[in-house]
C-alpha atoms as a PDB file:
ATOM      1  CA  UNK A   1     -72.607 -18.277 -35.575  1.00  0.00           C
ATOM      2  CA  UNK A   2     -69.385 -16.152 -36.111  1.00  0.00           C
ATOM      3  CA  UNK A   3     -69.104 -12.425 -34.040  1.00  0.00           C
ATOM      4  CA  UNK A   4     -69.769  -9.747 -36.548  1.00  0.00           C
ATOM      5  CA  UNK A   5     -66.436  -8.378 -38.034  1.00  0.00           C
ATOM      6  CA  UNK A   6     -66.972  -4.912 -36.344  1.00  0.00           C
ATOM      7  CA  UNK A   7     -67.413  -6.373 -32.997  1.00  0.00           C
ATOM      8  CA  UNK A   8     -63.479  -8.222 -33.892  1.00  0.00           C
ATOM      9  CA  UNK A   9     -62.199  -5.402 -35.000  1.00  0.00           C
ATOM     10  CA  UNK A  10     -63.077  -3.733 -31.413  1.00  0.00           C
ATOM     11  CA  UNK A  11     -61.671  -7.059 -30.166  1.00  0.00           C
ATOM     12  CA  UNK A  12     -58.247  -6.546 -31.471  1.00  0.00           C
ATOM     13  CA  UNK A  13     -57.685  -2.486 -30.764  1.00  0.00           C
ATOM     14  CA  UNK A  14     -58.899  -3.277 -27.557  1.00  0.00           C
ATOM     15  CA  UNK A  15     -56.388  -4.992 -26.517  1.00  0.00           C
ATOM     16  CA  UNK A  16     -53.606  -2.184 -27.856  1.00  0.00           C
ATOM     17  CA  UNK A  17     -55.396   0.284 -25.881  1.00  0.00           C
ATOM     18  CA  UNK A  18     -55.498   1.056 -22.189  1.00  0.00           C
ATOM     19  CA  UNK A  19     -58.037   0.376 -20.028  1.00  0.00           C
ATOM     20  CA  UNK A  20     -57.627   3.163 -17.186  1.00  0.00           C
ATOM     21  CA  UNK A  21     -54.089   2.772 -15.230  1.00  0.00           C
ATOM     22  CA  UNK A  22     -53.799  -0.541 -16.937  1.00  0.00           C
ATOM     23  CA  UNK A  23     -51.617  -0.957 -19.865  1.00  0.00           C
ATOM     24  CA  UNK A  24     -52.431  -2.303 -23.336  1.00  0.00           C
ATOM     25  CA  UNK A  25     -52.352  -6.621 -23.141  1.00  0.00           C
ATOM     26  CA  UNK A  26     -50.471  -6.992 -26.791  1.00  0.00           C
ATOM     27  CA  UNK A  27     -48.471  -3.804 -25.979  1.00  0.00           C
ATOM     28  CA  UNK A  28     -47.184  -4.913 -22.864  1.00  0.00           C
ATOM     29  CA  UNK A  29     -46.235  -8.512 -24.170  1.00  0.00           C
ATOM     30  CA  UNK A  30     -44.672  -7.577 -26.902  1.00  0.00           C
ATOM     31  CA  UNK A  31     -42.413  -4.904 -25.315  1.00  0.00           C
ATOM     32  CA  UNK A  32     -41.552  -7.100 -22.380  1.00  0.00           C
ATOM     33  CA  UNK A  33     -41.080 -10.625 -24.567  1.00  0.00           C
ATOM     34  CA  UNK A  34     -38.914  -8.257 -27.132  1.00  0.00           C
ATOM     35  CA  UNK A  35     -36.759  -6.715 -23.589  1.00  0.00           C
ATOM     36  CA  UNK A  36     -36.157 -10.079 -22.035  1.00  0.00           C
ATOM     37  CA  UNK A  37     -35.394 -11.810 -25.255  1.00  0.00           C
ATOM     38  CA  UNK A  38     -33.094  -8.525 -25.817  1.00  0.00           C
ATOM     39  CA  UNK A  39     -31.906  -9.223 -22.123  1.00  0.00           C
ATOM     40  CA  UNK A  40     -31.340 -12.799 -22.785  1.00  0.00           C
ATOM     41  CA  UNK A  41     -28.745 -12.285 -25.496  1.00  0.00           C
ATOM     42  CA  UNK A  42     -26.970  -9.343 -23.883  1.00  0.00           C
ATOM     43  CA  UNK A  43     -26.710 -11.430 -20.647  1.00  0.00           C
ATOM     44  CA  UNK A  44     -24.773 -14.409 -22.869  1.00  0.00           C
ATOM     45  CA  UNK A  45     -22.441 -12.119 -24.287  1.00  0.00           C
ATOM     46  CA  UNK A  46     -21.028 -10.588 -21.510  1.00  0.00           C
ATOM     47  CA  UNK A  47     -18.980 -12.149 -18.781  1.00  0.00           C
ATOM     48  CA  UNK A  48     -16.757 -14.233 -20.744  1.00  0.00           C
ATOM     49  CA  UNK A  49     -13.027 -13.762 -19.627  1.00  0.00           C
ATOM     50  CA  UNK A  50     -12.638 -16.461 -17.189  1.00  0.00           C
ATOM     51  CA  UNK A  51      -9.217 -15.434 -15.987  1.00  0.00           C
ATOM     52  CA  UNK A  52     -11.006 -12.011 -14.806  1.00  0.00           C
ATOM     53  CA  UNK A  53     -14.025 -14.043 -13.627  1.00  0.00           C
ATOM     54  CA  UNK A  54     -11.290 -16.098 -11.317  1.00  0.00           C
ATOM     55  CA  UNK A  55      -9.198 -12.933 -10.304  1.00  0.00           C
ATOM     56  CA  UNK A  56     -12.159 -10.871  -9.314  1.00  0.00           C
ATOM     57  CA  UNK A  57     -13.815 -14.258  -7.728  1.00  0.00           C
ATOM     58  CA  UNK A  58     -10.795 -14.758  -5.548  1.00  0.00           C
ATOM     59  CA  UNK A  59     -10.238 -10.931  -4.543  1.00  0.00           C
ATOM     60  CA  UNK A  60     -14.163 -10.933  -3.311  1.00  0.00           C
ATOM     61  CA  UNK A  61     -13.212 -13.772  -0.793  1.00  0.00           C
ATOM     62  CA  UNK A  62     -10.577 -11.959   0.429  1.00  0.00           C
ATOM     63  CA  UNK A  63     -13.041  -9.035   0.987  1.00  0.00           C
ATOM     64  CA  UNK A  64     -15.671 -11.687   2.781  1.00  0.00           C
ATOM     65  CA  UNK A  65     -12.291 -13.081   4.721  1.00  0.00           C
ATOM     66  CA  UNK A  66     -11.626  -9.446   5.861  1.00  0.00           C
ATOM     67  CA  UNK A  67     -15.248  -9.083   6.724  1.00  0.00           C
ATOM     68  CA  UNK A  68     -16.098 -12.145   8.617  1.00  0.00           C
ATOM     69  CA  UNK A  69     -18.657 -12.837   6.132  1.00  0.00           C
ATOM     70  CA  UNK A  70     -16.951 -15.926   4.218  1.00  0.00           C
ATOM     71  CA  UNK A  71     -19.439 -18.396   5.371  1.00  0.00           C
ATOM     72  CA  UNK A  72     -20.002 -20.383   1.478  1.00  0.00           C
ATOM     73  CA  UNK A  73     -17.720 -23.083   1.955  1.00  0.00           C
ATOM     74  CA  UNK A  74     -19.564 -24.059   5.565  1.00  0.00           C
ATOM     75  CA  UNK A  75     -23.063 -23.337   3.947  1.00  0.00           C
ATOM     76  CA  UNK A  76     -22.499 -25.137   0.947  1.00  0.00           C
ATOM     77  CA  UNK A  77     -21.029 -28.362   2.730  1.00  0.00           C
ATOM     78  CA  UNK A  78     -24.200 -28.466   5.499  1.00  0.00           C
ATOM     79  CA  UNK A  79     -26.602 -28.255   2.165  1.00  0.00           C
ATOM     80  CA  UNK A  80     -24.217 -31.370   0.961  1.00  0.00           C
ATOM     81  CA  UNK A  81     -25.052 -33.418   3.821  1.00  0.00           C
ATOM     82  CA  UNK A  82     -29.010 -32.874   3.547  1.00  0.00           C
ATOM     83  CA  UNK A  83     -29.979 -34.450   0.001  1.00  0.00           C
ATOM     84  CA  UNK A  84     -33.746 -34.288   0.927  1.00  0.00           C
ATOM     85  CA  UNK A  85     -33.371 -30.061   1.533  1.00  0.00           C
ATOM     86  CA  UNK A  86     -30.520 -30.402  -1.916  1.00  0.00           C
ATOM     87  CA  UNK A  87     -33.138 -31.541  -3.938  1.00  0.00           C
ATOM     88  CA  UNK A  88     -35.719 -28.531  -2.720  1.00  0.00           C
ATOM     89  CA  UNK A  89     -32.974 -26.183  -2.904  1.00  0.00           C
ATOM     90  CA  UNK A  90     -32.279 -27.100  -6.490  1.00  0.00           C
ATOM     91  CA  UNK A  91     -36.390 -26.720  -7.247  1.00  0.00           C
ATOM     92  CA  UNK A  92     -36.417 -22.877  -5.999  1.00  0.00           C
ATOM     93  CA  UNK A  93     -33.403 -22.269  -8.097  1.00  0.00           C
ATOM     94  CA  UNK A  94     -34.580 -23.536 -11.293  1.00  0.00           C
ATOM     95  CA  UNK A  95     -38.294 -22.591 -10.690  1.00  0.00           C
ATOM     96  CA  UNK A  96     -37.942 -19.026  -9.629  1.00  0.00           C
ATOM     97  CA  UNK A  97     -39.067 -17.373 -12.993  1.00  0.00           C
ATOM     98  CA  UNK A  98     -42.370 -19.359 -12.143  1.00  0.00           C
ATOM     99  CA  UNK A  99     -42.789 -16.853  -8.894  1.00  0.00           C
ATOM    100  CA  UNK A 100     -41.200 -13.461 -11.228  1.00  0.00           C
ATOM    101  CA  UNK A 101     -44.123 -14.283 -14.281  1.00  0.00           C
ATOM    102  CA  UNK A 102     -46.778 -14.802 -11.743  1.00  0.00           C
ATOM    103  CA  UNK A 103     -46.030 -11.780  -9.732  1.00  0.00           C
ATOM    104  CA  UNK A 104     -45.998  -9.414 -13.097  1.00  0.00           C
ATOM    105  CA  UNK A 105     -49.588 -10.804 -13.828  1.00  0.00           C
ATOM    106  CA  UNK A 106     -50.737 -10.343 -10.161  1.00  0.00           C
ATOM    107  CA  UNK A 107     -49.722  -7.034 -10.191  1.00  0.00           C
ATOM    108  CA  UNK A 108     -50.905  -6.255 -14.054  1.00  0.00           C
ATOM    109  CA  UNK A 109     -54.718  -8.065 -13.272  1.00  0.00           C
ATOM    110  CA  UNK A 110     -55.124  -6.691  -9.644  1.00  0.00           C
ATOM    111  CA  UNK A 111     -53.138  -3.873  -8.861  1.00  0.00           C
ATOM    112  CA  UNK A 112     -52.892  -1.760 -11.895  1.00  0.00           C
ATOM    113  CA  UNK A 113     -52.127   1.298  -9.960  1.00  0.00           C
ATOM    114  CA  UNK A 114     -48.294  -0.016  -9.175  1.00  0.00           C
ATOM    115  CA  UNK A 115     -48.338  -1.737 -12.250  1.00  0.00           C
ATOM    116  CA  UNK A 116     -46.117   0.656 -14.366  1.00  0.00           C
ATOM    117  CA  UNK A 117     -43.685   1.637 -11.338  1.00  0.00           C
ATOM    118  CA  UNK A 118     -43.057  -2.328 -10.858  1.00  0.00           C
ATOM    119  CA  UNK A 119     -42.798  -3.006 -14.695  1.00  0.00           C
ATOM    120  CA  UNK A 120     -40.486   0.367 -14.804  1.00  0.00           C
ATOM    121  CA  UNK A 121     -38.470  -0.964 -11.827  1.00  0.00           C
ATOM    122  CA  UNK A 122     -38.044  -4.506 -13.726  1.00  0.00           C
ATOM    123  CA  UNK A 123     -36.876  -3.212 -17.393  1.00  0.00           C
ATOM    124  CA  UNK A 124     -34.332  -1.230 -15.008  1.00  0.00           C
ATOM    125  CA  UNK A 125     -32.794  -3.710 -13.082  1.00  0.00           C
ATOM    126  CA  UNK A 126     -32.284  -5.626 -16.711  1.00  0.00           C
ATOM    127  CA  UNK A 127     -30.135  -2.363 -18.137  1.00  0.00           C
ATOM    128  CA  UNK A 128     -28.464  -1.838 -14.845  1.00  0.00           C
ATOM    129  CA  UNK A 129     -26.698  -5.365 -14.497  1.00  0.00           C
ATOM    130  CA  UNK A 130     -25.353  -5.387 -17.551  1.00  0.00           C
ATOM    131  CA  UNK A 131     -22.571  -3.349 -17.463  1.00  0.00           C
ATOM    132  CA  UNK A 132     -21.514  -4.282 -14.075  1.00  0.00           C
ATOM    133  CA  UNK A 133     -21.371  -7.865 -15.468  1.00  0.00           C
ATOM    134  CA  UNK A 134     -19.328  -7.123 -18.252  1.00  0.00           C
ATOM    135  CA  UNK A 135     -17.225  -4.803 -16.252  1.00  0.00           C
ATOM    136  CA  UNK A 136     -16.777  -7.501 -13.306  1.00  0.00           C
ATOM    137  CA  UNK A 137     -17.377 -10.534 -14.540  1.00  0.00           C
ATOM    138  CA  UNK A 138     -16.982 -13.132 -11.438  1.00  0.00           C
ATOM    139  CA  UNK A 139     -16.693 -16.343 -11.052  1.00  0.00           C
ATOM    140  CA  UNK A 140     -19.393 -18.807  -8.672  1.00  0.00           C
ATOM    141  CA  UNK A 141     -18.266 -20.807  -5.355  1.00  0.00           C
ATOM    142  CA  UNK A 142     -19.362 -23.667  -6.863  1.00  0.00           C
ATOM    143  CA  UNK A 143     -15.552 -22.960  -9.429  1.00  0.00           C
ATOM    144  CA  UNK A 144     -13.406 -20.448  -7.643  1.00  0.00           C
ATOM    145  CA  UNK A 145     -14.018 -22.111  -3.550  1.00  0.00           C
ATOM    146  CA  UNK A 146     -11.656 -25.561  -3.291  1.00  0.00           C
ATOM    147  CA  UNK A 147     -14.189 -27.908  -2.367  1.00  0.00           C
ATOM    148  CA  UNK A 148     -17.492 -26.564  -2.735  1.00  0.00           C
ATOM    149  CA  UNK A 149     -19.756 -28.833  -3.945  1.00  0.00           C
ATOM    150  CA  UNK A 150     -22.321 -27.912  -7.273  1.00  0.00           C
ATOM    151  CA  UNK A 151     -25.345 -28.928  -5.678  1.00  0.00           C
ATOM    152  CA  UNK A 152     -27.076 -27.527  -8.585  1.00  0.00           C
ATOM    153  CA  UNK A 153     -25.205 -29.908 -11.263  1.00  0.00           C
ATOM    154  CA  UNK A 154     -25.933 -33.267  -8.823  1.00  0.00           C
ATOM    155  CA  UNK A 155     -29.202 -32.835  -8.224  1.00  0.00           C
ATOM    156  CA  UNK A 156     -30.330 -31.157 -11.592  1.00  0.00           C
ATOM    157  CA  UNK A 157     -33.801 -31.558 -12.658  1.00  0.00           C
ATOM    158  CA  UNK A 158     -32.838 -30.484 -16.143  1.00  0.00           C
ATOM    159  CA  UNK A 159     -29.540 -31.522 -17.345  1.00  0.00           C
ATOM    160  CA  UNK A 160     -27.422 -28.867 -18.859  1.00  0.00           C
ATOM    161  CA  UNK A 161     -23.966 -29.287 -19.951  1.00  0.00           C
ATOM    162  CA  UNK A 162     -23.977 -25.533 -20.042  1.00  0.00           C
ATOM    163  CA  UNK A 163     -24.442 -24.977 -16.626  1.00  0.00           C
ATOM    164  CA  UNK A 164     -21.015 -27.292 -15.664  1.00  0.00           C
ATOM    165  CA  UNK A 165     -19.130 -25.763 -18.829  1.00  0.00           C
ATOM    166  CA  UNK A 166     -20.248 -22.207 -18.382  1.00  0.00           C
ATOM    167  CA  UNK A 167     -19.247 -19.721 -21.110  1.00  0.00           C
ATOM    168  CA  UNK A 168     -20.056 -16.998 -18.980  1.00  0.00           C
ATOM    169  CA  UNK A 169     -19.638 -15.930 -15.031  1.00  0.00           C
ATOM    170  CA  UNK A 170     -21.806 -13.188 -14.292  1.00  0.00           C
ATOM    171  CA  UNK A 171     -22.023 -14.129 -10.144  1.00  0.00           C
ATOM    172  CA  UNK A 172     -22.143 -10.181  -9.146  1.00  0.00           C
ATOM    173  CA  UNK A 173     -24.602  -9.410  -8.775  1.00  0.00           C
ATOM    174  CA  UNK A 174     -27.028 -12.615  -7.718  1.00  0.00           C
ATOM    175  CA  UNK A 175     -30.261 -12.279 -10.645  1.00  0.00           C
ATOM    176  CA  UNK A 176     -31.681 -15.314  -8.205  1.00  0.00           C
ATOM    177  CA  UNK A 177     -31.576 -13.052  -5.591  1.00  0.00           C
ATOM    178  CA  UNK A 178     -32.209  -9.849  -7.697  1.00  0.00           C
ATOM    179  CA  UNK A 179     -35.435 -11.340  -9.150  1.00  0.00           C
ATOM    180  CA  UNK A 180     -37.256 -12.448  -5.707  1.00  0.00           C
ATOM    181  CA  UNK A 181     -36.153  -9.210  -4.518  1.00  0.00           C
ATOM    182  CA  UNK A 182     -38.076  -7.975  -7.139  1.00  0.00           C
ATOM    183  CA  UNK A 183     -41.187  -9.754  -6.532  1.00  0.00           C
ATOM    184  CA  UNK A 184     -41.220  -8.750  -2.870  1.00  0.00           C
ATOM    185  CA  UNK A 185     -41.178  -5.308  -3.549  1.00  0.00           C
ATOM    186  CA  UNK A 186     -43.968  -5.370  -6.015  1.00  0.00           C
ATOM    187  CA  UNK A 187     -46.102  -7.551  -3.805  1.00  0.00           C
ATOM    188  CA  UNK A 188     -45.432  -5.058  -1.244  1.00  0.00           C
ATOM    189  CA  UNK A 189     -45.800  -2.223  -3.443  1.00  0.00           C
ATOM    190  CA  UNK A 190     -49.512  -3.828  -4.074  1.00  0.00           C
ATOM    191  CA  UNK A 191     -50.700  -4.468  -0.600  1.00  0.00           C
ATOM    192  CA  UNK A 192     -49.060  -1.854   1.958  1.00  0.00           C
ATOM    193  CA  UNK A 193     -51.511   0.835   1.671  1.00  0.00           C
ATOM    194  CA  UNK A 194     -54.642  -1.822   2.135  1.00  0.00           C
ATOM    195  CA  UNK A 195     -52.619  -4.773   4.443  1.00  0.00           C
ATOM    196  CA  UNK A 196     -49.423  -3.432   5.690  1.00  0.00           C
ATOM    197  CA  UNK A 197     -48.550  -6.254   7.716  1.00  0.00           C
ATOM    198  CA  UNK A 198     -49.477  -8.674   4.675  1.00  0.00           C
ATOM    199  CA  UNK A 199     -47.404  -6.388   2.735  1.00  0.00           C
ATOM    200  CA  UNK A 200     -44.022  -7.715   4.994  1.00  0.00           C
ATOM    201  CA  UNK A 201     -44.422 -11.705   4.326  1.00  0.00           C
ATOM    202  CA  UNK A 202     -43.330 -11.210   0.583  1.00  0.00           C
ATOM    203  CA  UNK A 203     -39.956 -10.512   1.664  1.00  0.00           C
ATOM    204  CA  UNK A 204     -39.249 -13.654   3.206  1.00  0.00           C
ATOM    205  CA  UNK A 205     -38.945 -14.885  -0.799  1.00  0.00           C
ATOM    206  CA  UNK A 206     -35.308 -13.063  -0.919  1.00  0.00           C
ATOM    207  CA  UNK A 207     -34.355 -14.128   2.521  1.00  0.00           C
ATOM    208  CA  UNK A 208     -34.980 -18.194   1.580  1.00  0.00           C
ATOM    209  CA  UNK A 209     -33.405 -17.390  -2.086  1.00  0.00           C
ATOM    210  CA  UNK A 210     -29.938 -16.137  -0.293  1.00  0.00           C
ATOM    211  CA  UNK A 211     -29.980 -19.266   1.437  1.00  0.00           C
ATOM    212  CA  UNK A 212     -30.617 -20.918  -1.293  1.00  0.00           C
ATOM    213  CA  UNK A 213     -27.665 -19.484  -3.419  1.00  0.00           C
ATOM    214  CA  UNK A 214     -25.574 -19.340  -0.941  1.00  0.00           C
ATOM    215  CA  UNK A 215     -25.469 -23.252   0.216  1.00  0.00           C
ATOM    216  CA  UNK A 216     -25.372 -24.346  -3.335  1.00  0.00           C
ATOM    217  CA  UNK A 217     -22.490 -22.659  -4.065  1.00  0.00           C
ATOM    218  CA  UNK A 218     -23.977 -20.480  -6.925  1.00  0.00           C
ATOM    219  CA  UNK A 219     -23.188 -16.875  -5.174  1.00  0.00           C
ATOM    220  CA  UNK A 220     -21.011 -15.307  -2.597  1.00  0.00           C
ATOM    221  CA  UNK A 221     -22.412 -12.834   0.239  1.00  0.00           C
ATOM    222  CA  UNK A 222     -21.416  -9.859  -1.282  1.00  0.00           C
ATOM    223  CA  UNK A 223     -23.379 -10.962  -4.535  1.00  0.00           C
ATOM    224  CA  UNK A 224     -26.140 -10.503  -2.143  1.00  0.00           C
ATOM    225  CA  UNK A 225     -25.253  -7.325  -1.273  1.00  0.00           C
ATOM    226  CA  UNK A 226     -24.921  -6.237  -4.561  1.00  0.00           C
ATOM    227  CA  UNK A 227     -28.689  -7.378  -5.306  1.00  0.00           C
ATOM    228  CA  UNK A 228     -30.346  -5.148  -2.985  1.00  0.00           C
ATOM    229  CA  UNK A 229     -27.933  -2.164  -4.433  1.00  0.00           C
ATOM    230  CA  UNK A 230     -29.470  -2.888  -7.533  1.00  0.00           C
ATOM    231  CA  UNK A 231     -32.936  -3.106  -6.803  1.00  0.00           C
ATOM    232  CA  UNK A 232     -32.717   0.373  -4.765  1.00  0.00           C
ATOM    233  CA  UNK A 233     -30.679   2.114  -7.701  1.00  0.00           C
ATOM    234  CA  UNK A 234     -32.972   0.388 -10.217  1.00  0.00           C
ATOM    235  CA  UNK A 235     -36.128   2.135  -8.015  1.00  0.00           C
ATOM    236  CA  UNK A 236     -34.800   5.287  -7.942  1.00  0.00           C
ATOM    237  CA  UNK A 237     -34.132   4.968 -12.036  1.00  0.00           C
ATOM    238  CA  UNK A 238     -37.755   3.824 -12.409  1.00  0.00           C
ATOM    239  CA  UNK A 239     -38.870   6.719 -10.145  1.00  0.00           C
ATOM    240  CA  UNK A 240     -36.467   9.314 -12.349  1.00  0.00           C
ATOM    241  CA  UNK A 241     -38.190   7.800 -15.653  1.00  0.00           C
ATOM    242  CA  UNK A 242     -41.875   8.021 -14.462  1.00  0.00           C
ATOM    243  CA  UNK A 243     -41.714  11.677 -13.536  1.00  0.00           C
ATOM    244  CA  UNK A 244     -39.352  12.193 -17.208  1.00  0.00           C
ATOM    245  CA  UNK A 245     -42.475  10.449 -19.092  1.00  0.00           C
ATOM    246  CA  UNK A 246     -45.475  12.419 -16.969  1.00  0.00           C
ATOM    247  CA  UNK A 247     -43.837  16.005 -17.757  1.00  0.00           C
ATOM    248  CA  UNK A 248     -43.991  16.300 -21.572  1.00  0.00           C
ATOM    249  CA  UNK A 249     -47.640  14.939 -20.937  1.00  0.00           C
ATOM    250  CA  UNK A 250     -48.388  17.697 -18.973  1.00  0.00           C
ATOM    251  CA  UNK A 251     -46.896  20.083 -21.301  1.00  0.00           C
ATOM    252  CA  UNK A 252     -48.853  18.654 -24.282  1.00  0.00           C
ATOM    253  CA  UNK A 253     -52.179  18.793 -22.175  1.00  0.00           C
ATOM    254  CA  UNK A 254     -51.998  22.180 -20.720  1.00  0.00           C
ATOM    255  CA  UNK A 255     -53.728  21.597 -17.504  1.00  0.00           C
ATOM    256  CA  UNK A 256     -55.553  18.520 -19.054  1.00  0.00           C
ATOM    257  CA  UNK A 257     -55.684  14.887 -16.621  1.00  0.00           C
ATOM    258  CA  UNK A 258     -52.277  13.153 -17.924  1.00  0.00           C
ATOM    259  CA  UNK A 259     -52.691  10.442 -20.289  1.00  0.00           C
ATOM    260  CA  UNK A 260     -50.992   7.568 -18.782  1.00  0.00           C
ATOM    261  CA  UNK A 261     -47.839   6.776 -20.396  1.00  0.00           C
ATOM    262  CA  UNK A 262     -45.235   3.564 -20.441  1.00  0.00           C
END
């Protein structure tokens, strides 16, 4: 028996309606889907200057040498000598987005009180990183360091010519580390009030991802520092965003409880 037409319409409308602190499902899907699509297109359009990317990489290597943090070559050689660990590192490198999507969904469903904050931070990261990629293209160690082994190309689970013959160079900052930091921040934000010790465990994920990108020859130590700076800046931008969208609501409601906004 088919459900009444009115019931079906109510269900559809409910998908576009916020439920307490949780935003509307379809609105979020559309907003984030379009946002990721735009980010992917813009990301592919920047960092195309190979000469500048190589020069920037050499300058970064010189800075790391001065600071005595140029560990990429030795870390890469160590992983290249351990095929089993290299395979595992490639799986982590390729499948990190599963953790990002899972974290976003988990916070949306189980911790709506912090969802808007962490989602704003995610969007801010996508917006803020693009000018950096445009202004300072960076060739990764697997191309710029003589003798570096391209671990992902050697043990890749997805054969992609664009990996061995890239058209853009965006190593600084590392978004693999950036997204893993975002995951840790999101879970920490959700758990820290009720489970402060448990909330510290998610920070192991970016630590593991840092080891992954350094040993696979995909990023420099200072790329990771850039990722930390990106998250910190994005958290600040998200906080300002939250204050901005709340202030107009307070003015319109003239003392009534503010409606939840994006």
